[in-house]
């Protein structure tokens, strides 16, 4: 019988080629800069209840986490909120569907908070965070924050 023996040199060459191919596909990995935005909420001029608070966002490699905290709201209220491109004084597109932003439930002390996760990295320079009178985002804005990157 003429059994064929594996060539150890060929195996070493193949393993080296495979490892080099994987490194070439993956490329060098560098840490992704963490981006941050934050700003105080300013009550809308015509709001019946002058809500205050703040909104902050942190963008990592594959997602952006957004948090809102409010004060001076009516206890028991259920408020909608979102973040959109642009400034409070203008308009812009929401960064995610309404379903991503959970309702803010106001506690007995007039405070409430909520967090959202957008499954992509936001990287713009300016966004507006808005709090609405109704959970469905009825567009009656009670408060707004101009979120500037690095602020």
C-alpha atoms as a PDB file:
ATOM      1  CA  UNK A   1       0.000   0.000   0.000  1.00  0.00           C
ATOM      2  CA  UNK A   2       1.259   3.388  -0.932  1.00  0.00           C
ATOM      3  CA  UNK A   3      -0.253   5.624   1.782  1.00  0.00           C
ATOM      4  CA  UNK A   4      -0.010   9.319   1.213  1.00  0.00           C
ATOM      5  CA  UNK A   5       1.386  11.206   4.167  1.00  0.00           C
ATOM      6  CA  UNK A   6       0.399  14.804   4.837  1.00  0.00           C
ATOM      7  CA  UNK A   7       3.125  17.280   4.131  1.00  0.00           C
ATOM      8  CA  UNK A   8       3.739  19.266   7.377  1.00  0.00           C
ATOM      9  CA  UNK A   9       5.285  22.096   5.397  1.00  0.00           C
ATOM     10  CA  UNK A  10       2.180  22.432   3.225  1.00  0.00           C
ATOM     11  CA  UNK A  11      -0.031  22.450   6.357  1.00  0.00           C
ATOM     12  CA  UNK A  12       2.075  25.233   7.906  1.00  0.00           C
ATOM     13  CA  UNK A  13       1.908  27.270   4.719  1.00  0.00           C
ATOM     14  CA  UNK A  14      -1.882  26.811   4.490  1.00  0.00           C
ATOM     15  CA  UNK A  15      -2.387  27.810   8.160  1.00  0.00           C
ATOM     16  CA  UNK A  16      -0.213  30.890   7.673  1.00  0.00           C
ATOM     17  CA  UNK A  17      -2.160  31.867   4.534  1.00  0.00           C
ATOM     18  CA  UNK A  18      -5.497  31.425   6.334  1.00  0.00           C
ATOM     19  CA  UNK A  19      -4.377  33.554   9.300  1.00  0.00           C
ATOM     20  CA  UNK A  20      -3.034  36.297   6.995  1.00  0.00           C
ATOM     21  CA  UNK A  21      -6.312  36.287   5.026  1.00  0.00           C
ATOM     22  CA  UNK A  22      -8.368  36.699   8.185  1.00  0.00           C
ATOM     23  CA  UNK A  23      -6.250  39.631   9.367  1.00  0.00           C
ATOM     24  CA  UNK A  24      -6.494  41.263   5.934  1.00  0.00           C
ATOM     25  CA  UNK A  25     -10.299  40.928   5.983  1.00  0.00           C
ATOM     26  CA  UNK A  26     -10.679  42.252   9.489  1.00  0.00           C
ATOM     27  CA  UNK A  27      -8.124  45.007   9.117  1.00  0.00           C
ATOM     28  CA  UNK A  28      -6.538  46.808  12.002  1.00  0.00           C
ATOM     29  CA  UNK A  29      -8.981  47.591  14.757  1.00  0.00           C
ATOM     30  CA  UNK A  30      -8.900  51.009  16.309  1.00  0.00           C
ATOM     31  CA  UNK A  31     -11.161  52.121  19.107  1.00  0.00           C
ATOM     32  CA  UNK A  32     -14.214  54.047  17.935  1.00  0.00           C
ATOM     33  CA  UNK A  33     -14.566  57.509  19.434  1.00  0.00           C
ATOM     34  CA  UNK A  34     -17.464  57.789  21.869  1.00  0.00           C
ATOM     35  CA  UNK A  35     -19.664  60.747  20.950  1.00  0.00           C
ATOM     36  CA  UNK A  36     -21.725  62.626  23.539  1.00  0.00           C
ATOM     37  CA  UNK A  37     -24.446  65.259  23.509  1.00  0.00           C
ATOM     38  CA  UNK A  38     -26.281  66.789  26.449  1.00  0.00           C
ATOM     39  CA  UNK A  39     -28.435  69.808  27.177  1.00  0.00           C
ATOM     40  CA  UNK A  40     -30.999  71.178  29.611  1.00  0.00           C
ATOM     41  CA  UNK A  41     -34.648  71.125  28.632  1.00  0.00           C
ATOM     42  CA  UNK A  42     -36.230  74.561  28.300  1.00  0.00           C
ATOM     43  CA  UNK A  43     -39.973  74.884  28.774  1.00  0.00           C
ATOM     44  CA  UNK A  44     -41.912  75.927  25.691  1.00  0.00           C
ATOM     45  CA  UNK A  45     -43.025  79.580  25.979  1.00  0.00           C
ATOM     46  CA  UNK A  46     -46.729  78.682  25.818  1.00  0.00           C
ATOM     47  CA  UNK A  47     -46.562  75.500  27.975  1.00  0.00           C
ATOM     48  CA  UNK A  48     -49.193  75.364  30.728  1.00  0.00           C
ATOM     49  CA  UNK A  49     -46.741  73.433  32.929  1.00  0.00           C
ATOM     50  CA  UNK A  50     -43.154  74.722  32.689  1.00  0.00           C
ATOM     51  CA  UNK A  51     -41.279  71.406  32.556  1.00  0.00           C
ATOM     52  CA  UNK A  52     -37.518  71.413  33.059  1.00  0.00           C
ATOM     53  CA  UNK A  53     -34.913  68.658  33.003  1.00  0.00           C
ATOM     54  CA  UNK A  54     -32.229  67.393  30.635  1.00  0.00           C
ATOM     55  CA  UNK A  55     -31.489  65.022  27.768  1.00  0.00           C
ATOM     56  CA  UNK A  56     -28.207  63.245  27.052  1.00  0.00           C
ATOM     57  CA  UNK A  57     -27.006  60.914  24.291  1.00  0.00           C
ATOM     58  CA  UNK A  58     -23.964  58.645  24.026  1.00  0.00           C
ATOM     59  CA  UNK A  59     -23.038  57.050  20.694  1.00  0.00           C
ATOM     60  CA  UNK A  60     -20.800  54.013  20.624  1.00  0.00           C
ATOM     61  CA  UNK A  61     -19.785  51.849  17.702  1.00  0.00           C
ATOM     62  CA  UNK A  62     -23.157  50.282  16.859  1.00  0.00           C
ATOM     63  CA  UNK A  63     -25.756  52.091  18.956  1.00  0.00           C
ATOM     64  CA  UNK A  64     -26.763  55.348  20.584  1.00  0.00           C
ATOM     65  CA  UNK A  65     -28.238  55.469  24.081  1.00  0.00           C
ATOM     66  CA  UNK A  66     -30.507  58.381  24.940  1.00  0.00           C
ATOM     67  CA  UNK A  67     -31.851  59.375  28.335  1.00  0.00           C
ATOM     68  CA  UNK A  68     -34.310  62.046  29.425  1.00  0.00           C
ATOM     69  CA  UNK A  69     -35.080  63.272  32.922  1.00  0.00           C
ATOM     70  CA  UNK A  70     -37.806  65.808  33.699  1.00  0.00           C
ATOM     71  CA  UNK A  71     -38.882  67.872  36.714  1.00  0.00           C
ATOM     72  CA  UNK A  72     -41.849  70.075  37.553  1.00  0.00           C
ATOM     73  CA  UNK A  73     -44.333  68.017  35.522  1.00  0.00           C
ATOM     74  CA  UNK A  74     -47.890  67.215  36.566  1.00  0.00           C
ATOM     75  CA  UNK A  75     -47.895  64.072  38.776  1.00  0.00           C
ATOM     76  CA  UNK A  76     -49.413  61.083  36.986  1.00  0.00           C
ATOM     77  CA  UNK A  77     -48.882  62.546  33.522  1.00  0.00           C
ATOM     78  CA  UNK A  78     -47.738  60.285  30.686  1.00  0.00           C
ATOM     79  CA  UNK A  79     -45.566  62.230  28.256  1.00  0.00           C
ATOM     80  CA  UNK A  80     -44.092  61.418  24.876  1.00  0.00           C
ATOM     81  CA  UNK A  81     -40.606  62.380  23.741  1.00  0.00           C
ATOM     82  CA  UNK A  82     -38.139  61.908  20.932  1.00  0.00           C
ATOM     83  CA  UNK A  83     -34.904  63.194  19.446  1.00  0.00           C
ATOM     84  CA  UNK A  84     -34.721  64.605  15.937  1.00  0.00           C
ATOM     85  CA  UNK A  85     -32.138  66.254  13.749  1.00  0.00           C
ATOM     86  CA  UNK A  86     -31.933  70.038  13.833  1.00  0.00           C
ATOM     87  CA  UNK A  87     -32.597  72.653  16.476  1.00  0.00           C
ATOM     88  CA  UNK A  88     -35.571  73.417  18.713  1.00  0.00           C
ATOM     89  CA  UNK A  89     -36.414  76.458  16.595  1.00  0.00           C
ATOM     90  CA  UNK A  90     -36.573  74.433  13.377  1.00  0.00           C
ATOM     91  CA  UNK A  91     -37.709  71.066  12.123  1.00  0.00           C
ATOM     92  CA  UNK A  92     -36.024  67.774  11.348  1.00  0.00           C
ATOM     93  CA  UNK A  93     -36.446  64.033  11.049  1.00  0.00           C
ATOM     94  CA  UNK A  94     -36.740  61.818  14.121  1.00  0.00           C
ATOM     95  CA  UNK A  95     -33.663  59.650  14.696  1.00  0.00           C
ATOM     96  CA  UNK A  96     -35.857  56.571  15.266  1.00  0.00           C
ATOM     97  CA  UNK A  97     -39.513  55.495  15.176  1.00  0.00           C
ATOM     98  CA  UNK A  98     -41.811  56.624  18.009  1.00  0.00           C
ATOM     99  CA  UNK A  99     -41.863  53.054  19.360  1.00  0.00           C
ATOM    100  CA  UNK A 100     -38.177  53.368  20.331  1.00  0.00           C
ATOM    101  CA  UNK A 101     -38.968  56.155  22.824  1.00  0.00           C
ATOM    102  CA  UNK A 102     -40.863  54.800  25.862  1.00  0.00           C
ATOM    103  CA  UNK A 103     -43.449  56.954  27.592  1.00  0.00           C
ATOM    104  CA  UNK A 104     -42.239  59.141  30.458  1.00  0.00           C
ATOM    105  CA  UNK A 105     -44.405  58.383  33.493  1.00  0.00           C
ATOM    106  CA  UNK A 106     -44.384  61.297  35.927  1.00  0.00           C
ATOM    107  CA  UNK A 107     -44.184  60.315  39.597  1.00  0.00           C
ATOM    108  CA  UNK A 108     -45.878  62.015  42.547  1.00  0.00           C
ATOM    109  CA  UNK A 109     -42.909  64.367  42.983  1.00  0.00           C
ATOM    110  CA  UNK A 110     -43.271  65.709  39.418  1.00  0.00           C
ATOM    111  CA  UNK A 111     -40.213  63.867  38.134  1.00  0.00           C
ATOM    112  CA  UNK A 112     -39.926  61.262  35.411  1.00  0.00           C
ATOM    113  CA  UNK A 113     -37.353  59.631  33.196  1.00  0.00           C
ATOM    114  CA  UNK A 114     -36.985  57.306  30.270  1.00  0.00           C
ATOM    115  CA  UNK A 115     -34.243  55.738  28.186  1.00  0.00           C
ATOM    116  CA  UNK A 116     -34.080  54.699  24.558  1.00  0.00           C
ATOM    117  CA  UNK A 117     -31.581  52.763  22.465  1.00  0.00           C
ATOM    118  CA  UNK A 118     -31.207  53.590  18.785  1.00  0.00           C
ATOM    119  CA  UNK A 119     -29.602  50.623  17.017  1.00  0.00           C
ATOM    120  CA  UNK A 120     -27.200  52.736  15.005  1.00  0.00           C
ATOM    121  CA  UNK A 121     -24.472  55.230  15.704  1.00  0.00           C
ATOM    122  CA  UNK A 122     -25.628  58.843  15.505  1.00  0.00           C
ATOM    123  CA  UNK A 123     -22.883  61.242  14.519  1.00  0.00           C
ATOM    124  CA  UNK A 124     -24.449  64.599  13.640  1.00  0.00           C
ATOM    125  CA  UNK A 125     -23.440  67.803  15.353  1.00  0.00           C
ATOM    126  CA  UNK A 126     -26.864  69.050  16.454  1.00  0.00           C
ATOM    127  CA  UNK A 127     -30.103  67.397  17.523  1.00  0.00           C
ATOM    128  CA  UNK A 128     -33.265  68.548  19.301  1.00  0.00           C
ATOM    129  CA  UNK A 129     -34.844  66.570  22.120  1.00  0.00           C
ATOM    130  CA  UNK A 130     -38.545  67.264  22.598  1.00  0.00           C
ATOM    131  CA  UNK A 131     -41.034  66.344  25.325  1.00  0.00           C
ATOM    132  CA  UNK A 132     -44.692  66.216  24.258  1.00  0.00           C
ATOM    133  CA  UNK A 133     -47.968  66.666  26.152  1.00  0.00           C
ATOM    134  CA  UNK A 134     -49.249  63.265  25.006  1.00  0.00           C
ATOM    135  CA  UNK A 135     -47.549  59.855  24.922  1.00  0.00           C
ATOM    136  CA  UNK A 136     -48.164  59.518  21.188  1.00  0.00           C
ATOM    137  CA  UNK A 137     -46.097  62.608  20.352  1.00  0.00           C
ATOM    138  CA  UNK A 138     -49.044  64.839  19.482  1.00  0.00           C
ATOM    139  CA  UNK A 139     -46.572  67.566  18.558  1.00  0.00           C
ATOM    140  CA  UNK A 140     -47.685  69.822  21.403  1.00  0.00           C
ATOM    141  CA  UNK A 141     -44.168  70.490  22.635  1.00  0.00           C
ATOM    142  CA  UNK A 142     -43.862  71.133  26.372  1.00  0.00           C
ATOM    143  CA  UNK A 143     -40.057  71.430  26.459  1.00  0.00           C
ATOM    144  CA  UNK A 144     -37.081  71.194  24.121  1.00  0.00           C
ATOM    145  CA  UNK A 145     -33.295  70.830  24.375  1.00  0.00           C
ATOM    146  CA  UNK A 146     -30.706  71.757  21.736  1.00  0.00           C
ATOM    147  CA  UNK A 147     -28.213  68.917  21.904  1.00  0.00           C
ATOM    148  CA  UNK A 148     -24.740  69.905  20.735  1.00  0.00           C
ATOM    149  CA  UNK A 149     -22.006  67.315  20.386  1.00  0.00           C
ATOM    150  CA  UNK A 150     -19.403  67.532  23.100  1.00  0.00           C
ATOM    151  CA  UNK A 151     -21.415  70.048  25.138  1.00  0.00           C
END
